[in-house]
């Protein structure tokens, strides 16, 4: 790894050359720049292409995967109706829930309420050679049971949606921390010059559990803004105003971009602000996207059988299915980190009806993405993460719904060097607490980084006099999840 990866670019930009040219930073700055070394000007950028290559020179762990697709089931899917079968909870349905488990603990909306056990509203069956237990709501995910590693012992520190999503994405609830996608782009760069290296897509279930998702979930935080996620539109044009206005030709646009970059370059020579370099690179990116984005979203070359596999009724219709197909196309084009949010999993009431709706919108496409990547030979180096920000309680709320539960929930991994066909960890017999092979969100982050060839302890960035990292002060690689 290059030595400057953990330093603030406002400091690393103070090179010997800039001192000698301007003489305005003082002898102390010169001494500091000398300690930074000759590469302190940011040589991670390919000077011929402007492409960020990442701060990691050599893999720190065996590289199992090259990219990540994060399927974010925003709102908190119920483990009891998806992937964590609890026969004892079903047996106790309607009876008082053991007070010893919840006494003195924080409950989102059920404080001082008589709690009744609420059993699963669907059946579970075993699937595949591995015998993975999957609910009847998810027949398509059940068909890839041997490809996925089901983690049943996750727990988090947050009980409300926005901070829990922030913790899942950035390992912290405070604003200003970089998301996992930003860390990956900073550390590894991307394999594409024509698209952003970190792209976000959004879909939702109309009128059902559609919690809002804030833009801070894909923020670059204290990293330079060139590493933040870019939200593509799921319906219509993926990027607004991607084409030139009438009367402006490509050659004229090229001249404008070149002149703007020249002026920004002159300014950058006299300033240590990394955002100027970001501005230059983003003008170039915007120019290249004028041709790359229309080609990306042109689905006419996708065969009918593949559209049917995903359940795409009309490409670009804003559905989760269409976004999954677009995610595969983004992965093919070298995008490093792709996030698909589906807003519709916050089921405080009528969970039986709402689960049926949201499962139909997501189940088929999730499985299709795994199958499609596998038949293209891409699954082995593409890590897919499925899950929400927390789980649900094993007790009744309102009109047969479930409240938030951060103490035990379920996610699954597929591809990218993960070990499929296994159930890892367990919650107690009621599905309330993670009790076996407990796995925290930082553990998940550390494991994902490990699969990408990154030691989570070494990918750092100097901020406020401290070497910051995605996993902060915790995180352990779970070797049992690695093939």
Protein backbone atom coordinates (compact mmCIF):
# COMPACT_ATOMS: atom_id res chain seq x y z
CA UNK A 1 0.00 0.00 0.00
CA UNK A 2 1.18 3.50 -0.71
CA UNK A 3 2.24 5.32 2.41
CA UNK A 4 0.00 8.31 1.90
CA UNK A 5 -3.32 6.43 1.99
CA UNK A 6 -4.12 7.52 5.53
CA UNK A 7 -3.29 11.21 5.10
CA UNK A 8 -5.58 14.14 4.56
CA UNK A 9 -5.25 15.35 0.93
CA UNK A 10 -5.19 18.93 2.20
CA UNK A 11 -1.83 18.00 3.72
CA UNK A 12 -0.53 15.69 1.03
CA UNK A 13 -1.00 18.39 -1.61
CA UNK A 14 1.72 20.47 0.09
CA UNK A 15 4.59 19.12 -2.00
CA UNK A 16 8.11 20.48 -2.31
CA UNK A 17 7.29 21.72 -5.79
CA UNK A 18 4.26 23.73 -4.67
CA UNK A 19 6.35 25.27 -1.90
CA UNK A 20 9.13 26.30 -4.25
CA UNK A 21 6.66 27.67 -6.80
CA UNK A 22 4.67 29.77 -4.35
CA UNK A 23 6.74 30.10 -1.18
CA UNK A 24 3.66 30.80 0.90
CA UNK A 25 3.41 27.84 3.24
CA UNK A 26 6.49 28.39 5.44
CA UNK A 27 9.39 26.19 6.49
CA UNK A 28 7.17 24.04 8.68
CA UNK A 29 5.04 23.10 5.68
CA UNK A 30 8.15 22.34 3.66
CA UNK A 31 9.42 19.99 6.36
CA UNK A 32 6.02 18.32 6.58
CA UNK A 33 5.81 17.91 2.81
CA UNK A 34 9.29 16.42 2.81
CA UNK A 35 8.17 13.79 5.30
CA UNK A 36 5.20 12.99 3.09
CA UNK A 37 7.52 11.76 0.34
CA UNK A 38 7.70 12.29 -3.40
CA UNK A 39 4.34 10.63 -4.05
CA UNK A 40 2.43 13.04 -1.83
CA UNK A 41 0.85 14.75 -4.81
CA UNK A 42 -1.56 11.90 -5.34
CA UNK A 43 0.01 9.55 -7.86
CA UNK A 44 -2.87 7.11 -7.43
CA UNK A 45 -4.41 8.90 -10.40
CA UNK A 46 -3.32 7.77 -13.85
CA UNK A 47 -2.03 10.98 -15.38
CA UNK A 48 -2.92 9.87 -18.90
CA UNK A 49 -6.54 8.99 -18.23
CA UNK A 50 -7.48 10.82 -15.03
CA UNK A 51 -8.71 7.49 -13.65
CA UNK A 52 -8.36 6.89 -9.93
CA UNK A 53 -6.45 3.64 -9.40
CA UNK A 54 -6.88 3.37 -5.63
CA UNK A 55 -4.40 3.69 -2.80
CA UNK A 56 -3.79 -0.05 -2.45
CA UNK A 57 -0.82 -1.16 -4.56
CA UNK A 58 -0.87 -4.84 -3.69
CA UNK A 59 -3.63 -7.02 -2.22
CA UNK A 60 -3.36 -7.30 1.55
CA UNK A 61 -5.43 -10.52 1.66
CA UNK A 62 -6.20 -13.14 -1.03
CA UNK A 63 -8.49 -11.48 -3.58
CA UNK A 64 -11.75 -13.42 -3.90
CA UNK A 65 -13.92 -10.76 -5.50
CA UNK A 66 -13.62 -7.58 -7.54
CA UNK A 67 -16.97 -5.88 -7.06
CA UNK A 68 -19.99 -5.76 -4.74
CA UNK A 69 -23.73 -5.59 -5.41
CA UNK A 70 -25.59 -4.67 -2.23
CA UNK A 71 -29.31 -5.47 -2.35
CA UNK A 72 -30.66 -3.20 0.40
CA UNK A 73 -34.07 -4.32 1.64
CA UNK A 74 -34.78 -0.96 3.27
CA UNK A 75 -37.11 -1.02 6.26
CA UNK A 76 -35.98 -4.22 7.98
CA UNK A 77 -37.22 -7.56 6.57
CA UNK A 78 -38.74 -9.91 9.10
CA UNK A 79 -36.49 -12.92 9.60
CA UNK A 80 -39.55 -14.92 10.69
CA UNK A 81 -41.15 -14.60 7.27
CA UNK A 82 -37.96 -14.97 5.22
CA UNK A 83 -34.97 -17.03 6.38
CA UNK A 84 -35.11 -17.89 10.13
CA UNK A 85 -37.58 -20.66 10.91
CA UNK A 86 -38.76 -20.71 14.54
CA UNK A 87 -41.12 -23.62 15.27
CA UNK A 88 -41.15 -22.86 19.01
CA UNK A 89 -42.34 -19.32 18.33
CA UNK A 90 -45.10 -20.70 16.15
CA UNK A 91 -46.13 -23.09 18.96
CA UNK A 92 -46.38 -20.18 21.44
CA UNK A 93 -48.32 -17.91 19.05
CA UNK A 94 -50.73 -15.68 20.94
CA UNK A 95 -49.33 -16.51 24.39
CA UNK A 96 -47.52 -13.99 26.65
CA UNK A 97 -43.96 -13.45 25.51
CA UNK A 98 -41.35 -14.25 28.21
CA UNK A 99 -40.76 -11.01 30.12
CA UNK A 100 -37.30 -12.18 31.13
CA UNK A 101 -36.08 -11.66 27.56
CA UNK A 102 -37.25 -8.08 27.10
CA UNK A 103 -37.29 -6.61 30.63
CA UNK A 104 -35.43 -3.30 30.77
CA UNK A 105 -34.57 -3.33 27.09
CA UNK A 106 -35.32 -0.69 24.47
CA UNK A 107 -38.22 -1.49 22.18
CA UNK A 108 -38.98 0.85 19.30
CA UNK A 109 -42.74 1.37 19.72
CA UNK A 110 -43.80 -1.23 22.27
CA UNK A 111 -42.59 0.24 25.57
CA UNK A 112 -44.80 -0.70 28.53
CA UNK A 113 -46.96 -2.88 26.29
CA UNK A 114 -48.13 -6.41 27.01
CA UNK A 115 -46.16 -8.52 24.56
CA UNK A 116 -47.68 -11.58 22.90
CA UNK A 117 -45.70 -14.13 20.92
CA UNK A 118 -46.33 -13.77 17.19
CA UNK A 119 -45.43 -16.85 15.18
CA UNK A 120 -44.43 -16.94 11.49
CA UNK A 121 -47.32 -16.23 9.13
CA UNK A 122 -45.97 -18.59 6.49
CA UNK A 123 -44.40 -22.03 6.19
CA UNK A 124 -40.73 -22.90 5.69
CA UNK A 125 -39.28 -25.73 3.63
CA UNK A 126 -35.82 -27.17 3.07
CA UNK A 127 -34.21 -26.57 -0.30
CA UNK A 128 -31.21 -27.67 -2.29
CA UNK A 129 -28.61 -30.25 -1.36
CA UNK A 130 -27.70 -28.05 1.61
CA UNK A 131 -31.20 -28.23 3.05
CA UNK A 132 -31.42 -24.48 3.63
CA UNK A 133 -34.69 -23.46 5.27
CA UNK A 134 -36.45 -20.72 3.29
CA UNK A 135 -39.99 -19.37 3.65
CA UNK A 136 -42.70 -19.93 1.08
CA UNK A 137 -42.69 -16.20 0.40
CA UNK A 138 -39.30 -16.60 -1.32
CA UNK A 139 -39.55 -19.54 -3.76
CA UNK A 140 -36.99 -18.05 -6.17
CA UNK A 141 -34.36 -17.37 -3.51
CA UNK A 142 -35.08 -20.92 -2.32
CA UNK A 143 -34.00 -22.14 -5.78
CA UNK A 144 -30.47 -20.74 -5.17
CA UNK A 145 -30.20 -22.19 -1.66
CA UNK A 146 -26.90 -23.89 -2.47
CA UNK A 147 -25.39 -20.59 -3.68
CA UNK A 148 -26.12 -18.46 -0.63
CA UNK A 149 -24.70 -18.25 2.87
CA UNK A 150 -27.53 -17.37 5.24
CA UNK A 151 -26.31 -15.42 8.28
CA UNK A 152 -28.85 -15.72 11.09
CA UNK A 153 -26.89 -14.10 13.90
CA UNK A 154 -26.40 -10.48 12.89
CA UNK A 155 -26.98 -7.72 15.41
CA UNK A 156 -26.68 -3.95 15.24
CA UNK A 157 -26.47 -0.99 17.60
CA UNK A 158 -29.40 1.04 16.27
CA UNK A 159 -33.16 0.58 16.59
CA UNK A 160 -34.44 3.30 14.22
CA UNK A 161 -34.22 3.32 10.44
CA UNK A 162 -31.93 6.17 9.42
CA UNK A 163 -29.19 5.60 12.03
CA UNK A 164 -29.41 1.84 11.50
CA UNK A 165 -28.99 2.30 7.75
CA UNK A 166 -26.08 4.65 8.39
CA UNK A 167 -24.48 2.06 10.66
CA UNK A 168 -24.97 -0.66 8.05
CA UNK A 169 -23.41 1.54 5.36
CA UNK A 170 -20.67 3.41 7.20
CA UNK A 171 -20.10 1.61 10.49
CA UNK A 172 -21.16 4.75 12.40
CA UNK A 173 -24.32 6.73 13.15
CA UNK A 174 -22.67 10.15 13.17
CA UNK A 175 -22.88 12.19 10.00
CA UNK A 176 -19.78 12.72 7.93
CA UNK A 177 -18.48 9.15 7.82
CA UNK A 178 -17.77 7.52 4.44
CA UNK A 179 -19.95 4.67 3.25
CA UNK A 180 -18.54 1.25 2.40
CA UNK A 181 -18.81 1.97 -1.33
CA UNK A 182 -16.76 5.14 -0.90
CA UNK A 183 -14.10 3.27 1.06
CA UNK A 184 -13.87 0.65 -1.69
CA UNK A 185 -13.60 3.25 -4.43
CA UNK A 186 -10.92 5.10 -2.46
CA UNK A 187 -8.97 1.93 -1.77
CA UNK A 188 -9.29 0.05 -5.05
CA UNK A 189 -10.49 2.53 -7.66
CA UNK A 190 -12.80 1.24 -10.39
CA UNK A 191 -12.35 -0.69 -13.61
CA UNK A 192 -14.28 1.85 -15.66
CA UNK A 193 -13.39 5.32 -16.96
CA UNK A 194 -16.81 5.99 -18.43
CA UNK A 195 -19.08 5.51 -15.42
CA UNK A 196 -18.91 6.37 -11.72
CA UNK A 197 -17.32 3.63 -9.65
CA UNK A 198 -20.12 3.71 -7.05
CA UNK A 199 -23.73 3.80 -8.29
CA UNK A 200 -27.03 3.72 -6.37
CA UNK A 201 -30.48 2.73 -7.68
CA UNK A 202 -33.81 3.08 -5.88
CA UNK A 203 -37.20 1.37 -6.13
CA UNK A 204 -40.18 1.07 -3.83
CA UNK A 205 -43.39 -0.78 -3.07
CA UNK A 206 -46.27 1.63 -3.52
CA UNK A 207 -47.96 2.39 -0.20
CA UNK A 208 -46.28 -0.46 1.72
CA UNK A 209 -43.60 0.15 4.35
CA UNK A 210 -41.68 2.62 2.18
CA UNK A 211 -39.37 4.29 4.66
CA UNK A 212 -37.33 7.20 3.19
CA UNK A 213 -33.63 6.67 2.48
CA UNK A 214 -31.33 9.67 2.91
CA UNK A 215 -28.46 10.53 0.59
CA UNK A 216 -26.00 10.24 3.47
CA UNK A 217 -26.20 6.48 3.02
CA UNK A 218 -23.90 6.76 0.00
CA UNK A 219 -21.92 9.78 1.18
CA UNK A 220 -18.12 10.01 0.88
CA UNK A 221 -18.03 11.69 4.30
CA UNK A 222 -14.58 13.09 5.01
CA UNK A 223 -13.10 11.41 1.93
CA UNK A 224 -12.85 13.62 -1.18
CA UNK A 225 -16.26 13.92 -2.83
CA UNK A 226 -15.12 12.08 -5.96
CA UNK A 227 -15.68 8.86 -3.96
CA UNK A 228 -19.34 9.39 -3.10
CA UNK A 229 -22.08 7.28 -4.65
CA UNK A 230 -24.02 8.59 -7.63
CA UNK A 231 -27.79 8.10 -7.59
CA UNK A 232 -29.09 6.99 -10.99
CA UNK A 233 -32.76 7.45 -11.80
CA UNK A 234 -34.59 4.13 -12.02
CA UNK A 235 -37.32 5.46 -14.31
CA UNK A 236 -36.74 7.25 -17.60
CA UNK A 237 -33.28 8.67 -18.22
CA UNK A 238 -30.77 7.28 -15.71
CA UNK A 239 -29.03 10.66 -15.55
CA UNK A 240 -30.84 13.94 -16.14
CA UNK A 241 -29.55 16.21 -18.93
CA UNK A 242 -26.98 13.63 -20.03
CA UNK A 243 -27.26 14.80 -23.64
CA UNK A 244 -26.16 18.10 -25.12
CA UNK A 245 -28.77 20.81 -25.62
CA UNK A 246 -29.90 21.50 -29.15
CA UNK A 247 -27.26 23.33 -31.17
CA UNK A 248 -24.29 22.12 -29.10
CA UNK A 249 -22.20 19.51 -30.88
CA UNK A 250 -19.78 17.02 -29.32
CA UNK A 251 -16.68 18.87 -30.52
CA UNK A 252 -17.90 22.14 -29.03
CA UNK A 253 -18.64 20.39 -25.74
CA UNK A 254 -15.12 18.91 -25.76
CA UNK A 255 -13.61 22.38 -26.18
CA UNK A 256 -15.68 23.73 -23.28
CA UNK A 257 -14.66 20.89 -20.98
CA UNK A 258 -11.00 21.26 -21.93
CA UNK A 259 -11.03 24.99 -21.19
CA UNK A 260 -12.82 24.58 -17.88
CA UNK A 261 -10.34 21.90 -16.86
CA UNK A 262 -7.44 24.12 -17.90
CA UNK A 263 -8.71 26.94 -15.69
CA UNK A 264 -9.36 24.56 -12.80
CA UNK A 265 -5.87 23.15 -13.31
CA UNK A 266 -4.34 26.61 -13.00
CA UNK A 267 -6.28 27.14 -9.81
CA UNK A 268 -5.22 23.72 -8.48
CA UNK A 269 -1.55 24.65 -8.86
CA UNK A 270 -2.00 27.28 -6.18
CA UNK A 271 -4.36 25.45 -3.86
CA UNK A 272 -4.12 22.26 -1.78
CA UNK A 273 -7.89 21.73 -2.05
CA UNK A 274 -8.59 18.15 -3.30
CA UNK A 275 -12.06 19.23 -4.40
CA UNK A 276 -10.50 21.10 -7.32
CA UNK A 277 -9.02 17.85 -8.58
CA UNK A 278 -12.42 16.24 -8.02
CA UNK A 279 -14.03 18.95 -10.11
CA UNK A 280 -11.61 18.35 -12.97
CA UNK A 281 -12.13 14.58 -12.93
CA UNK A 282 -15.91 14.93 -12.72
CA UNK A 283 -16.09 17.23 -15.74
CA UNK A 284 -14.25 14.54 -17.68
CA UNK A 285 -16.54 11.85 -16.29
CA UNK A 286 -19.66 13.83 -17.22
CA UNK A 287 -18.39 14.23 -20.78
CA UNK A 288 -17.74 10.50 -21.18
CA UNK A 289 -21.11 9.63 -19.62
CA UNK A 290 -22.85 11.37 -22.50
CA UNK A 291 -22.11 8.30 -24.57
CA UNK A 292 -21.72 5.58 -21.92
CA UNK A 293 -25.04 6.12 -20.08
CA UNK A 294 -27.37 5.85 -23.12
CA UNK A 295 -25.55 2.65 -24.15
CA UNK A 296 -25.81 1.31 -20.59
CA UNK A 297 -29.58 1.75 -20.43
CA UNK A 298 -30.26 0.42 -23.91
CA UNK A 299 -31.82 -2.98 -23.14
CA UNK A 300 -32.78 -3.93 -26.68
CA UNK A 301 -29.90 -6.40 -26.85
CA UNK A 302 -31.12 -8.35 -23.82
CA UNK A 303 -32.91 -11.55 -24.93
CA UNK A 304 -36.54 -12.07 -24.03
CA UNK A 305 -35.81 -15.12 -21.90
CA UNK A 306 -33.49 -13.04 -19.71
CA UNK A 307 -36.09 -10.32 -19.20
CA UNK A 308 -38.51 -13.05 -18.17
CA UNK A 309 -35.92 -14.56 -15.83
CA UNK A 310 -35.68 -11.27 -13.93
CA UNK A 311 -39.40 -10.57 -14.22
CA UNK A 312 -38.81 -7.32 -16.11
CA UNK A 313 -42.02 -6.15 -17.71
CA UNK A 314 -40.55 -3.00 -19.22
CA UNK A 315 -36.86 -2.06 -18.93
CA UNK A 316 -36.38 1.24 -17.14
CA UNK A 317 -39.83 1.14 -15.52
CA UNK A 318 -38.44 1.92 -12.07
CA UNK A 319 -38.98 -1.61 -10.73
CA UNK A 320 -36.56 -3.56 -8.58
CA UNK A 321 -36.42 -6.21 -11.32
CA UNK A 322 -35.29 -3.66 -13.91
CA UNK A 323 -32.71 -2.30 -11.45
CA UNK A 324 -31.29 -5.81 -10.89
CA UNK A 325 -30.77 -6.26 -14.61
CA UNK A 326 -29.17 -2.83 -14.79
CA UNK A 327 -26.92 -3.80 -11.86
CA UNK A 328 -25.58 -6.74 -13.87
CA UNK A 329 -24.86 -4.41 -16.79
CA UNK A 330 -23.06 -2.01 -14.46
CA UNK A 331 -20.99 -4.88 -13.04
CA UNK A 332 -20.02 -5.91 -16.57
CA UNK A 333 -18.78 -2.39 -17.23
CA UNK A 334 -16.44 -2.28 -14.25
CA UNK A 335 -18.44 -0.40 -11.60
CA UNK A 336 -16.91 -1.29 -8.23
CA UNK A 337 -19.88 -0.92 -5.85
CA UNK A 338 -23.57 -1.04 -6.78
CA UNK A 339 -26.39 -0.51 -4.29
CA UNK A 340 -30.03 -1.29 -4.99
CA UNK A 341 -32.46 0.03 -2.38
CA UNK A 342 -35.97 -1.34 -2.33
CA UNK A 343 -38.20 0.62 0.02
CA UNK A 344 -41.06 -1.54 1.25
CA UNK A 345 -40.01 -3.72 4.18
CA UNK A 346 -41.20 -1.73 7.23
CA UNK A 347 -44.15 -3.92 8.22
CA UNK A 348 -45.63 -2.63 11.48
CA UNK A 349 -49.05 -3.88 10.41
CA UNK A 350 -50.70 -6.50 8.20
CA UNK A 351 -47.42 -8.29 7.66
CA UNK A 352 -48.97 -11.30 5.90
CA UNK A 353 -50.43 -9.15 3.11
CA UNK A 354 -47.47 -6.80 2.84
CA UNK A 355 -44.87 -9.58 2.81
CA UNK A 356 -46.63 -11.21 -0.10
CA UNK A 357 -46.53 -7.94 -2.06
CA UNK A 358 -42.90 -7.00 -1.42
CA UNK A 359 -41.63 -10.56 -1.84
CA UNK A 360 -43.23 -10.79 -5.29
CA UNK A 361 -41.48 -7.57 -6.27
CA UNK A 362 -38.00 -8.65 -5.16
CA UNK A 363 -37.67 -12.42 -4.80
CA UNK A 364 -37.50 -13.37 -8.49
CA UNK A 365 -35.05 -10.65 -9.48
CA UNK A 366 -32.65 -11.40 -6.59
CA UNK A 367 -32.41 -15.03 -7.63
CA UNK A 368 -32.19 -14.10 -11.31
CA UNK A 369 -29.22 -11.82 -10.63
CA UNK A 370 -27.34 -14.69 -8.98
CA UNK A 371 -28.21 -17.11 -11.79
CA UNK A 372 -27.37 -14.60 -14.53
CA UNK A 373 -23.99 -13.74 -13.04
CA UNK A 374 -23.20 -17.43 -12.58
CA UNK A 375 -23.93 -18.39 -16.16
CA UNK A 376 -21.72 -15.51 -17.33
CA UNK A 377 -18.86 -16.62 -15.11
CA UNK A 378 -19.11 -13.42 -13.06
CA UNK A 379 -20.54 -14.74 -9.80
CA UNK A 380 -17.17 -16.03 -8.62
CA UNK A 381 -15.77 -12.49 -8.47
CA UNK A 382 -18.97 -10.57 -7.67
CA UNK A 383 -20.10 -10.46 -4.04
CA UNK A 384 -23.85 -10.06 -3.52
CA UNK A 385 -25.13 -8.91 -0.13
CA UNK A 386 -28.86 -9.14 0.67
CA UNK A 387 -30.55 -7.71 3.75
CA UNK A 388 -31.88 -4.75 5.66
CA UNK A 389 -30.74 -2.50 8.49
CA UNK A 390 -32.22 -4.70 11.27
CA UNK A 391 -34.84 -7.39 11.82
CA UNK A 392 -38.28 -7.58 13.45
CA UNK A 393 -39.59 -8.61 16.85
CA UNK A 394 -41.14 -12.02 17.60
CA UNK A 395 -44.11 -10.23 19.18
CA UNK A 396 -47.37 -8.80 17.91
CA UNK A 397 -47.75 -5.12 17.09
CA UNK A 398 -51.01 -3.45 16.12
CA UNK A 399 -52.85 -5.21 13.33
CA UNK A 400 -50.61 -8.27 13.20
CA UNK A 401 -47.36 -6.48 12.39
CA UNK A 402 -43.85 -6.51 13.84
CA UNK A 403 -41.75 -3.79 15.46
CA UNK A 404 -37.99 -3.25 14.96
CA UNK A 405 -35.44 -5.67 16.40
CA UNK A 406 -31.69 -4.84 16.29
CA UNK A 407 -30.69 -7.76 18.54
CA UNK A 408 -30.95 -10.52 15.95
CA UNK A 409 -31.60 -10.52 12.20
CA UNK A 410 -30.75 -12.30 8.97
CA UNK A 411 -28.87 -11.51 5.76
CA UNK A 412 -27.34 -13.60 2.99
CA UNK A 413 -24.22 -13.51 0.84
CA UNK A 414 -23.63 -15.06 -2.55
CA UNK A 415 -20.63 -15.33 -4.86
CA UNK A 416 -17.44 -13.35 -4.53
CA UNK A 417 -15.58 -16.00 -2.57
CA UNK A 418 -18.30 -16.46 0.04
CA UNK A 419 -19.14 -20.01 1.08
CA UNK A 420 -22.64 -20.81 -0.13
CA UNK A 421 -24.99 -23.56 0.96
CA UNK A 422 -24.65 -22.93 4.69
CA UNK A 423 -26.53 -21.39 7.58
CA UNK A 424 -24.17 -19.43 9.82
CA UNK A 425 -25.06 -18.54 13.40
CA UNK A 426 -28.41 -18.63 15.13
CA UNK A 427 -30.85 -16.64 17.22
CA UNK A 428 -32.55 -18.02 20.33
CA UNK A 429 -35.63 -20.23 20.01
CA UNK A 430 -37.82 -17.12 19.74
CA UNK A 431 -35.65 -15.31 17.18
CA UNK A 432 -35.10 -12.38 19.52
CA UNK A 433 -31.38 -12.46 20.39
CA UNK A 434 -28.42 -13.60 18.29
CA UNK A 435 -26.83 -16.27 20.48
CA UNK A 436 -24.61 -18.51 18.31
CA UNK A 437 -21.66 -17.15 16.30
CA UNK A 438 -22.87 -13.61 16.87
CA UNK A 439 -21.88 -11.32 14.01
CA UNK A 440 -21.80 -7.53 14.20
CA UNK A 441 -22.07 -5.06 11.33
CA UNK A 442 -18.31 -4.26 11.60
CA UNK A 443 -17.67 -8.02 11.35
CA UNK A 444 -19.67 -8.02 8.11
CA UNK A 445 -17.67 -5.06 6.79
CA UNK A 446 -14.36 -6.65 7.77
CA UNK A 447 -15.32 -9.89 6.02
CA UNK A 448 -16.42 -8.12 2.83
CA UNK A 449 -13.21 -6.08 2.70
CA UNK A 450 -11.19 -9.27 3.25
CA UNK A 451 -12.84 -10.87 0.21
CA UNK A 452 -11.82 -7.82 -1.83
CA UNK A 453 -8.19 -8.18 -0.84
CA UNK A 454 -8.28 -5.51 1.88
CA UNK A 455 -7.16 -5.78 5.49
CA UNK A 456 -9.79 -3.68 7.23
CA UNK A 457 -7.22 -2.54 9.80
CA UNK A 458 -4.99 -1.03 7.11
CA UNK A 459 -7.41 0.88 4.86
CA UNK A 460 -7.37 4.18 6.77
CA UNK A 461 -7.65 7.90 6.15
CA UNK A 462 -6.25 10.64 8.38
CA UNK A 463 -9.08 12.82 9.66
CA UNK A 464 -9.11 15.10 12.70
CA UNK A 465 -5.73 13.76 13.82
CA UNK A 466 -6.90 10.16 13.77
CA UNK A 467 -6.53 7.28 11.30
CA UNK A 468 -10.16 6.51 10.53
CA UNK A 469 -11.43 3.26 9.00
CA UNK A 470 -14.71 1.66 7.99
CA UNK A 471 -14.75 -0.76 10.93
CA UNK A 472 -13.68 1.97 13.40
CA UNK A 473 -12.40 0.22 16.56
CA UNK A 474 -13.90 -3.24 16.03
CA UNK A 475 -14.55 -5.83 13.33
CA UNK A 476 -13.39 -9.43 12.92
CA UNK A 477 -13.15 -11.38 9.68
CA UNK A 478 -15.54 -14.37 9.78
CA UNK A 479 -13.46 -17.07 8.12
CA UNK A 480 -16.32 -19.60 8.13
CA UNK A 481 -18.10 -17.50 5.49
CA UNK A 482 -15.15 -17.62 3.09
CA UNK A 483 -14.88 -20.44 0.57
